[in-house]
Amino acid sequence: MRVAGKVTAFILGISLLLSGCATTRDESSMTPAEKRMREQAATFNQTIAEGAALGCVAGMLIGVLASGRGGGERGRGIAFGCAAGAAVGGAAGYYVADKQEEYASTEERLEAMTTDVRADNQRLADLIDASRQVIATDTKTIERLEKQIAAGQISREKARTQLADVDDNTKYLEQTVANLKKRHEEYAIARGKTQGSKQKLATMDAEISRLEQQISVLEKDLDGLVQRRKVSRIG
C-alpha cells in the first residue's frame, strides 16, 4: 500500500507540474486560431509528458523488484528506480525501449519510429499554419494600439492591459518551440540507437531533418512577433 501511495502521489505531482505549463487564459476568450494553435501544441507537450511519467512509474516498479526486501532498503530501491526511469522517460532511451518492447523486428521498429516522426511533422505543419494566423492578428493588434496611443485615444497603461493576450500567445509559443527542440533531439538520439536498412534509415533521417526545418520556420515566425513587441511604443 505504501508503494501504491507513493506511485499515485508522484503521478499527481507530475500532473500538477505539467498543468503549470498550460496557458492561464480562459478558453472562451480565445479566437478559433488561438484554440487550434494550443490544441496542436498540447499534442506535442502531452506526448513528452506521457513518456516521462510512464518512465518514472516503470522505474519505480523496477526499483521495487530490484530491492527484493522490505523496509528502508525497498524505499531506496523505489527512489533509485524512479530517478532512473524519469531520466530515461524524458529522453530517447524510454522511447527506444518502448519500441523494442512493442516490435520484435528491427525493421518494424524503425518503420514505427519513422511513422511517429512523420505524424509529428504533419501536426507541426498544422501548428505553423494556426500560429501564423495568431501572429498576424497579434501584430495588427500592436499596430492598432500604437495608433490609438498616438491619437490620444488610449493610455499606455490600458494598451498594455489589452496586450496581455498577445504576451500570453508569445509565451506559449516560446515554450512550444523549446518543447519541439527537445523532441527533435530525442528523435535524433533514438535514431542513433536504432539499426536497419540504409533505405529505411535514410527515410527516417529525412523526416527528422524536416522536423528540424519546420521548427526553424516556427521559431523565425515567432521571432518576428517578439521583435515587433520589443520595438513597440506601448512598453
C-alpha atoms as a PDB file:
ATOM      1  CA  MET A   1       0.000   0.000   0.000  1.00  0.00           C
ATOM      2  CA  ARG A   2       2.853   2.383   0.767  1.00  0.00           C
ATOM      3  CA  VAL A   3       4.351   1.774  -2.684  1.00  0.00           C
ATOM      4  CA  ALA A   4       0.989   2.342  -4.393  1.00  0.00           C
ATOM      5  CA  GLY A   5       0.530   5.526  -2.424  1.00  0.00           C
ATOM      6  CA  LYS A   6       3.929   6.834  -3.452  1.00  0.00           C
ATOM      7  CA  VAL A   7       3.268   5.985  -7.104  1.00  0.00           C
ATOM      8  CA  THR A   8      -0.099   7.757  -7.018  1.00  0.00           C
ATOM      9  CA  ALA A   9       1.333  10.799  -5.247  1.00  0.00           C
ATOM     10  CA  PHE A  10       4.159  11.061  -7.742  1.00  0.00           C
ATOM     11  CA  ILE A  11       1.852  10.868 -10.750  1.00  0.00           C
ATOM     12  CA  LEU A  12      -0.366  13.543  -9.240  1.00  0.00           C
ATOM     13  CA  GLY A  13       2.704  15.688  -8.668  1.00  0.00           C
ATOM     14  CA  ILE A  14       3.725  15.373 -12.313  1.00  0.00           C
ATOM     15  CA  SER A  15       0.213  16.271 -13.424  1.00  0.00           C
ATOM     16  CA  LEU A  16       0.270  19.435 -11.347  1.00  0.00           C
ATOM     17  CA  LEU A  17       3.711  20.368 -12.634  1.00  0.00           C
ATOM     18  CA  LEU A  18       2.693  19.919 -16.242  1.00  0.00           C
ATOM     19  CA  SER A  19      -0.526  21.849 -15.788  1.00  0.00           C
ATOM     20  CA  GLY A  20       1.608  24.832 -14.805  1.00  0.00           C
ATOM     21  CA  CYS A  21       2.897  24.989 -18.379  1.00  0.00           C
ATOM     22  CA  ALA A  22      -0.595  25.495 -19.753  1.00  0.00           C
ATOM     23  CA  THR A  23      -1.990  28.872 -20.686  1.00  0.00           C
ATOM     24  CA  THR A  24      -3.729  30.799 -17.924  1.00  0.00           C
ATOM     25  CA  ARG A  25      -6.293  32.335 -20.296  1.00  0.00           C
ATOM     26  CA  ASP A  26      -9.947  31.456 -20.336  1.00  0.00           C
ATOM     27  CA  GLU A  27     -10.588  29.374 -23.446  1.00  0.00           C
ATOM     28  CA  SER A  28     -13.857  31.220 -24.083  1.00  0.00           C
ATOM     29  CA  SER A  29     -11.868  34.410 -24.754  1.00  0.00           C
ATOM     30  CA  MET A  30      -9.673  32.782 -27.417  1.00  0.00           C
ATOM     31  CA  THR A  31     -10.109  33.040 -31.151  1.00  0.00           C
ATOM     32  CA  PRO A  32     -10.513  29.834 -33.210  1.00  0.00           C
ATOM     33  CA  ALA A  33      -6.890  30.203 -34.372  1.00  0.00           C
ATOM     34  CA  GLU A  34      -5.647  30.569 -30.783  1.00  0.00           C
ATOM     35  CA  LYS A  35      -7.572  27.470 -29.729  1.00  0.00           C
ATOM     36  CA  ARG A  36      -6.277  25.491 -32.687  1.00  0.00           C
ATOM     37  CA  MET A  37      -2.719  26.621 -32.014  1.00  0.00           C
ATOM     38  CA  ARG A  38      -2.918  25.402 -28.424  1.00  0.00           C
ATOM     39  CA  GLU A  39      -4.526  22.123 -29.426  1.00  0.00           C
ATOM     40  CA  GLN A  40      -1.653  21.372 -31.793  1.00  0.00           C
ATOM     41  CA  ALA A  41       0.984  22.407 -29.250  1.00  0.00           C
ATOM     42  CA  ALA A  42      -0.694  20.405 -26.482  1.00  0.00           C
ATOM     43  CA  THR A  43      -0.329  17.281 -28.608  1.00  0.00           C
ATOM     44  CA  PHE A  44       3.453  17.614 -28.520  1.00  0.00           C
ATOM     45  CA  ASN A  45       3.538  18.506 -24.830  1.00  0.00           C
ATOM     46  CA  GLN A  46       1.321  15.605 -23.861  1.00  0.00           C
ATOM     47  CA  THR A  47       3.445  13.087 -25.749  1.00  0.00           C
ATOM     48  CA  ILE A  48       6.594  14.175 -23.937  1.00  0.00           C
ATOM     49  CA  ALA A  49       4.836  14.225 -20.583  1.00  0.00           C
ATOM     50  CA  GLU A  50       3.459  10.732 -21.007  1.00  0.00           C
ATOM     51  CA  GLY A  51       6.911   9.349 -21.773  1.00  0.00           C
ATOM     52  CA  ALA A  52       8.431  10.944 -18.679  1.00  0.00           C
ATOM     53  CA  ALA A  53       5.579   9.864 -16.388  1.00  0.00           C
ATOM     54  CA  LEU A  54       5.444   6.296 -17.643  1.00  0.00           C
ATOM     55  CA  GLY A  55       9.217   6.032 -17.490  1.00  0.00           C
ATOM     56  CA  CYS A  56       9.196   7.070 -13.857  1.00  0.00           C
ATOM     57  CA  VAL A  57       6.404   4.651 -12.916  1.00  0.00           C
ATOM     58  CA  ALA A  58       8.243   1.832 -14.686  1.00  0.00           C
ATOM     59  CA  GLY A  59      11.419   2.807 -12.868  1.00  0.00           C
ATOM     60  CA  MET A  60       9.648   2.695  -9.523  1.00  0.00           C
ATOM     61  CA  LEU A  61       8.354  -0.796 -10.221  1.00  0.00           C
ATOM     62  CA  ILE A  62      11.832  -1.910 -11.271  1.00  0.00           C
ATOM     63  CA  GLY A  63      13.170  -0.455  -8.057  1.00  0.00           C
ATOM     64  CA  VAL A  64      10.702  -2.489  -6.013  1.00  0.00           C
ATOM     65  CA  LEU A  65      11.629  -5.703  -7.803  1.00  0.00           C
ATOM     66  CA  ALA A  66      15.357  -4.963  -7.705  1.00  0.00           C
ATOM     67  CA  SER A  67      15.411  -4.326  -3.971  1.00  0.00           C
ATOM     68  CA  GLY A  68      13.624  -7.582  -3.174  1.00  0.00           C
ATOM     69  CA  ARG A  69      13.453  -6.640   0.510  1.00  0.00           C
ATOM     70  CA  GLY A  70      11.312  -4.636   2.852  1.00  0.00           C
ATOM     71  CA  GLY A  71      11.827  -1.535   4.950  1.00  0.00           C
ATOM     72  CA  GLY A  72      14.266   1.196   4.154  1.00  0.00           C
ATOM     73  CA  GLU A  73      16.155  -0.767   1.532  1.00  0.00           C
ATOM     74  CA  ARG A  74      12.974  -1.186  -0.504  1.00  0.00           C
ATOM     75  CA  GLY A  75      12.337   2.529  -0.228  1.00  0.00           C
ATOM     76  CA  ARG A  76      15.815   3.248  -1.528  1.00  0.00           C
ATOM     77  CA  GLY A  77      15.169   0.833  -4.397  1.00  0.00           C
ATOM     78  CA  ILE A  78      11.987   2.688  -5.285  1.00  0.00           C
ATOM     79  CA  ALA A  79      13.699   6.075  -5.192  1.00  0.00           C
ATOM     80  CA  PHE A  80      16.596   4.857  -7.335  1.00  0.00           C
ATOM     81  CA  GLY A  81      14.309   3.211  -9.852  1.00  0.00           C
ATOM     82  CA  CYS A  82      12.097   6.275 -10.130  1.00  0.00           C
ATOM     83  CA  ALA A  83      15.026   8.624 -10.663  1.00  0.00           C
ATOM     84  CA  ALA A  84      16.454   6.390 -13.388  1.00  0.00           C
ATOM     85  CA  GLY A  85      13.062   5.927 -15.023  1.00  0.00           C
ATOM     86  CA  ALA A  86      12.325   9.638 -15.050  1.00  0.00           C
ATOM     87  CA  ALA A  87      15.673  10.404 -16.652  1.00  0.00           C
ATOM     88  CA  VAL A  88      15.078   7.798 -19.353  1.00  0.00           C
ATOM     89  CA  GLY A  89      11.433   8.732 -19.810  1.00  0.00           C
ATOM     90  CA  GLY A  90      12.296  12.306 -20.629  1.00  0.00           C
ATOM     91  CA  ALA A  91      14.821  11.278 -23.274  1.00  0.00           C
ATOM     92  CA  ALA A  92      15.189   8.895 -26.189  1.00  0.00           C
ATOM     93  CA  GLY A  93      16.027   5.845 -24.084  1.00  0.00           C
ATOM     94  CA  TYR A  94      12.472   5.291 -22.929  1.00  0.00           C
ATOM     95  CA  TYR A  95      11.146   5.796 -26.450  1.00  0.00           C
ATOM     96  CA  VAL A  96      13.526   3.227 -27.938  1.00  0.00           C
ATOM     97  CA  ALA A  97      12.851   0.750 -25.127  1.00  0.00           C
ATOM     98  CA  ASP A  98       9.124   1.113 -25.693  1.00  0.00           C
ATOM     99  CA  LYS A  99       9.516   0.340 -29.402  1.00  0.00           C
ATOM    100  CA  GLN A 100      11.724  -2.649 -28.627  1.00  0.00           C
ATOM    101  CA  GLU A 101       9.027  -3.969 -26.341  1.00  0.00           C
ATOM    102  CA  GLU A 102       6.325  -3.455 -28.952  1.00  0.00           C
ATOM    103  CA  TYR A 103       8.157  -4.714 -32.043  1.00  0.00           C
ATOM    104  CA  ALA A 104      10.415  -7.756 -32.240  1.00  0.00           C
ATOM    105  CA  SER A 105      11.777  -6.888 -35.684  1.00  0.00           C
ATOM    106  CA  THR A 106      14.360  -4.125 -36.084  1.00  0.00           C
ATOM    107  CA  GLU A 107      12.807  -3.071 -39.386  1.00  0.00           C
ATOM    108  CA  GLU A 108       9.345  -2.862 -37.841  1.00  0.00           C
ATOM    109  CA  ARG A 109      10.680  -0.700 -35.008  1.00  0.00           C
ATOM    110  CA  LEU A 110      12.357   1.615 -37.480  1.00  0.00           C
ATOM    111  CA  GLU A 111       9.200   1.922 -39.564  1.00  0.00           C
ATOM    112  CA  ALA A 112       7.143   2.667 -36.446  1.00  0.00           C
ATOM    113  CA  MET A 113       9.570   5.368 -35.349  1.00  0.00           C
ATOM    114  CA  THR A 114       9.577   6.920 -38.811  1.00  0.00           C
ATOM    115  CA  THR A 115       5.782   6.936 -38.770  1.00  0.00           C
ATOM    116  CA  ASP A 116       5.855   8.780 -35.434  1.00  0.00           C
ATOM    117  CA  VAL A 117       8.178  11.485 -36.777  1.00  0.00           C
ATOM    118  CA  ARG A 118       6.094  11.835 -39.931  1.00  0.00           C
ATOM    119  CA  ALA A 119       2.939  12.266 -37.852  1.00  0.00           C
ATOM    120  CA  ASP A 120       4.663  14.937 -35.739  1.00  0.00           C
ATOM    121  CA  ASN A 121       5.694  16.724 -38.924  1.00  0.00           C
ATOM    122  CA  GLN A 122       2.089  16.864 -40.077  1.00  0.00           C
ATOM    123  CA  ARG A 123       0.940  18.165 -36.712  1.00  0.00           C
ATOM    124  CA  LEU A 124       3.717  20.733 -36.721  1.00  0.00           C
ATOM    125  CA  ALA A 125       2.695  21.910 -40.204  1.00  0.00           C
ATOM    126  CA  ASP A 126      -0.821  22.464 -38.850  1.00  0.00           C
ATOM    127  CA  LEU A 127       0.608  24.262 -35.831  1.00  0.00           C
ATOM    128  CA  ILE A 128       2.641  26.598 -38.032  1.00  0.00           C
ATOM    129  CA  ASP A 129      -0.462  27.413 -40.069  1.00  0.00           C
ATOM    130  CA  ALA A 130      -2.505  28.228 -36.957  1.00  0.00           C
ATOM    131  CA  SER A 131       0.327  30.155 -35.297  1.00  0.00           C
ATOM    132  CA  ARG A 132       0.796  32.348 -38.362  1.00  0.00           C
ATOM    133  CA  GLN A 133      -2.830  33.398 -38.129  1.00  0.00           C
ATOM    134  CA  VAL A 134      -2.358  34.216 -34.444  1.00  0.00           C
ATOM    135  CA  ILE A 135       0.901  36.099 -35.057  1.00  0.00           C
ATOM    136  CA  ALA A 136      -0.656  38.140 -37.880  1.00  0.00           C
ATOM    137  CA  THR A 137      -3.592  39.108 -35.664  1.00  0.00           C
ATOM    138  CA  ASP A 138      -1.312  39.956 -32.730  1.00  0.00           C
ATOM    139  CA  THR A 139       0.884  42.138 -34.947  1.00  0.00           C
ATOM    140  CA  LYS A 140      -2.171  44.055 -36.125  1.00  0.00           C
ATOM    141  CA  THR A 141      -3.260  44.472 -32.501  1.00  0.00           C
ATOM    142  CA  ILE A 142       0.090  46.064 -31.627  1.00  0.00           C
ATOM    143  CA  GLU A 143      -0.131  48.418 -34.605  1.00  0.00           C
ATOM    144  CA  ARG A 144      -3.727  49.398 -33.778  1.00  0.00           C
ATOM    145  CA  LEU A 145      -2.890  50.184 -30.160  1.00  0.00           C
ATOM    146  CA  GLU A 146       0.134  52.236 -31.195  1.00  0.00           C
ATOM    147  CA  LYS A 147      -2.069  54.357 -33.459  1.00  0.00           C
ATOM    148  CA  GLN A 148      -4.616  54.811 -30.674  1.00  0.00           C
ATOM    149  CA  ILE A 149      -1.883  55.966 -28.287  1.00  0.00           C
ATOM    150  CA  ALA A 150      -0.521  58.399 -30.864  1.00  0.00           C
ATOM    151  CA  ALA A 151      -4.027  59.808 -31.367  1.00  0.00           C
ATOM    152  CA  GLY A 152      -4.555  60.151 -27.635  1.00  0.00           C
ATOM    153  CA  GLN A 153      -7.451  57.692 -27.720  1.00  0.00           C
ATOM    154  CA  ILE A 154      -5.973  55.317 -25.164  1.00  0.00           C
ATOM    155  CA  SER A 155      -3.366  55.407 -22.390  1.00  0.00           C
ATOM    156  CA  ARG A 156      -0.228  53.297 -22.463  1.00  0.00           C
ATOM    157  CA  GLU A 157      -1.356  51.530 -19.312  1.00  0.00           C
ATOM    158  CA  LYS A 158      -4.643  50.493 -20.884  1.00  0.00           C
ATOM    159  CA  ALA A 159      -2.844  49.474 -24.075  1.00  0.00           C
ATOM    160  CA  ARG A 160      -0.515  47.214 -22.087  1.00  0.00           C
ATOM    161  CA  THR A 161      -3.537  45.600 -20.475  1.00  0.00           C
ATOM    162  CA  GLN A 162      -5.010  44.869 -23.890  1.00  0.00           C
ATOM    163  CA  LEU A 163      -1.682  43.343 -24.966  1.00  0.00           C
ATOM    164  CA  ALA A 164      -1.910  40.692 -22.254  1.00  0.00           C
ATOM    165  CA  ASP A 165      -3.332  38.177 -24.733  1.00  0.00           C
ATOM    166  CA  VAL A 166      -0.528  38.908 -27.198  1.00  0.00           C
ATOM    167  CA  ASP A 167       2.075  38.344 -24.488  1.00  0.00           C
ATOM    168  CA  ASP A 168       0.328  35.135 -23.444  1.00  0.00           C
ATOM    169  CA  ASN A 169       0.408  33.830 -27.013  1.00  0.00           C
ATOM    170  CA  THR A 170       4.085  34.738 -27.300  1.00  0.00           C
ATOM    171  CA  LYS A 171       4.984  32.953 -24.081  1.00  0.00           C
ATOM    172  CA  TYR A 172       3.026  29.888 -25.130  1.00  0.00           C
ATOM    173  CA  LEU A 173       4.774  29.699 -28.493  1.00  0.00           C
ATOM    174  CA  GLU A 174       8.186  30.173 -26.890  1.00  0.00           C
ATOM    175  CA  GLN A 175       7.532  27.184 -24.628  1.00  0.00           C
ATOM    176  CA  THR A 176       6.254  25.192 -27.591  1.00  0.00           C
ATOM    177  CA  VAL A 177       9.417  25.874 -29.601  1.00  0.00           C
ATOM    178  CA  ALA A 178      11.513  24.750 -26.623  1.00  0.00           C
ATOM    179  CA  ASN A 179       9.484  21.534 -26.356  1.00  0.00           C
ATOM    180  CA  LEU A 180       9.815  20.891 -30.077  1.00  0.00           C
ATOM    181  CA  LYS A 181      13.585  21.274 -29.932  1.00  0.00           C
ATOM    182  CA  LYS A 182      13.689  18.680 -27.176  1.00  0.00           C
ATOM    183  CA  ARG A 183      11.502  16.398 -29.256  1.00  0.00           C
ATOM    184  CA  HIS A 184      13.822  16.751 -32.248  1.00  0.00           C
ATOM    185  CA  GLU A 185      16.820  15.962 -30.063  1.00  0.00           C
ATOM    186  CA  GLU A 186      15.125  12.856 -28.676  1.00  0.00           C
ATOM    187  CA  TYR A 187      14.292  11.589 -32.156  1.00  0.00           C
ATOM    188  CA  ALA A 188      17.888  12.187 -33.275  1.00  0.00           C
ATOM    189  CA  ILE A 189      19.242  10.251 -30.293  1.00  0.00           C
ATOM    190  CA  ALA A 190      16.723   7.460 -30.848  1.00  0.00           C
ATOM    191  CA  ARG A 191      17.817   7.267 -34.481  1.00  0.00           C
ATOM    192  CA  GLY A 192      21.404   6.807 -33.342  1.00  0.00           C
ATOM    193  CA  LYS A 193      20.352   3.879 -31.167  1.00  0.00           C
ATOM    194  CA  THR A 194      18.460   2.147 -33.986  1.00  0.00           C
ATOM    195  CA  GLN A 195      19.685  -0.259 -36.657  1.00  0.00           C
ATOM    196  CA  GLY A 196      18.063  -1.023 -40.012  1.00  0.00           C
ATOM    197  CA  SER A 197      18.439  -0.962 -43.774  1.00  0.00           C
ATOM    198  CA  LYS A 198      20.089   2.066 -45.362  1.00  0.00           C
ATOM    199  CA  GLN A 199      16.910   2.952 -47.210  1.00  0.00           C
ATOM    200  CA  LYS A 200      14.722   2.925 -44.108  1.00  0.00           C
ATOM    201  CA  LEU A 201      17.304   4.810 -42.081  1.00  0.00           C
ATOM    202  CA  ALA A 202      17.515   7.427 -44.829  1.00  0.00           C
ATOM    203  CA  THR A 203      13.734   7.803 -44.748  1.00  0.00           C
ATOM    204  CA  MET A 204      13.780   8.419 -41.006  1.00  0.00           C
ATOM    205  CA  ASP A 205      16.687  10.845 -41.387  1.00  0.00           C
ATOM    206  CA  ALA A 206      14.654  12.805 -43.931  1.00  0.00           C
ATOM    207  CA  GLU A 207      11.688  13.068 -41.566  1.00  0.00           C
ATOM    208  CA  ILE A 208      13.911  14.181 -38.684  1.00  0.00           C
ATOM    209  CA  SER A 209      15.522  16.775 -40.948  1.00  0.00           C
ATOM    210  CA  ARG A 210      12.092  18.014 -41.993  1.00  0.00           C
ATOM    211  CA  LEU A 211      11.107  18.319 -38.336  1.00  0.00           C
ATOM    212  CA  GLU A 212      14.171  20.460 -37.658  1.00  0.00           C
ATOM    213  CA  GLN A 213      13.409  22.681 -40.640  1.00  0.00           C
ATOM    214  CA  GLN A 214       9.822  23.220 -39.563  1.00  0.00           C
ATOM    215  CA  ILE A 215      10.904  24.085 -36.022  1.00  0.00           C
ATOM    216  CA  SER A 216      13.193  26.735 -37.503  1.00  0.00           C
ATOM    217  CA  VAL A 217      10.280  28.132 -39.511  1.00  0.00           C
ATOM    218  CA  LEU A 218       8.079  28.387 -36.422  1.00  0.00           C
ATOM    219  CA  GLU A 219      10.879  29.987 -34.417  1.00  0.00           C
ATOM    220  CA  LYS A 220      11.540  32.540 -37.158  1.00  0.00           C
ATOM    221  CA  ASP A 221       7.848  33.449 -37.318  1.00  0.00           C
ATOM    222  CA  LEU A 222       7.774  33.868 -33.561  1.00  0.00           C
ATOM    223  CA  ASP A 223      10.940  36.000 -33.552  1.00  0.00           C
ATOM    224  CA  GLY A 224       9.183  38.439 -35.847  1.00  0.00           C
ATOM    225  CA  LEU A 225       6.401  38.947 -33.298  1.00  0.00           C
ATOM    226  CA  VAL A 226       8.840  39.161 -30.401  1.00  0.00           C
ATOM    227  CA  GLN A 227      10.888  41.870 -32.125  1.00  0.00           C
ATOM    228  CA  ARG A 228       7.751  43.805 -33.097  1.00  0.00           C
ATOM    229  CA  ARG A 229       6.649  43.734 -29.493  1.00  0.00           C
ATOM    230  CA  LYS A 230      10.053  44.925 -28.254  1.00  0.00           C
ATOM    231  CA  VAL A 231      10.174  47.980 -30.504  1.00  0.00           C
ATOM    232  CA  SER A 232       6.576  48.852 -29.730  1.00  0.00           C
ATOM    233  CA  ARG A 233       5.986  52.256 -28.136  1.00  0.00           C
ATOM    234  CA  ILE A 234       3.451  50.675 -25.798  1.00  0.00           C
ATOM    235  CA  GLY A 235       6.117  49.401 -23.419  1.00  0.00           C
END
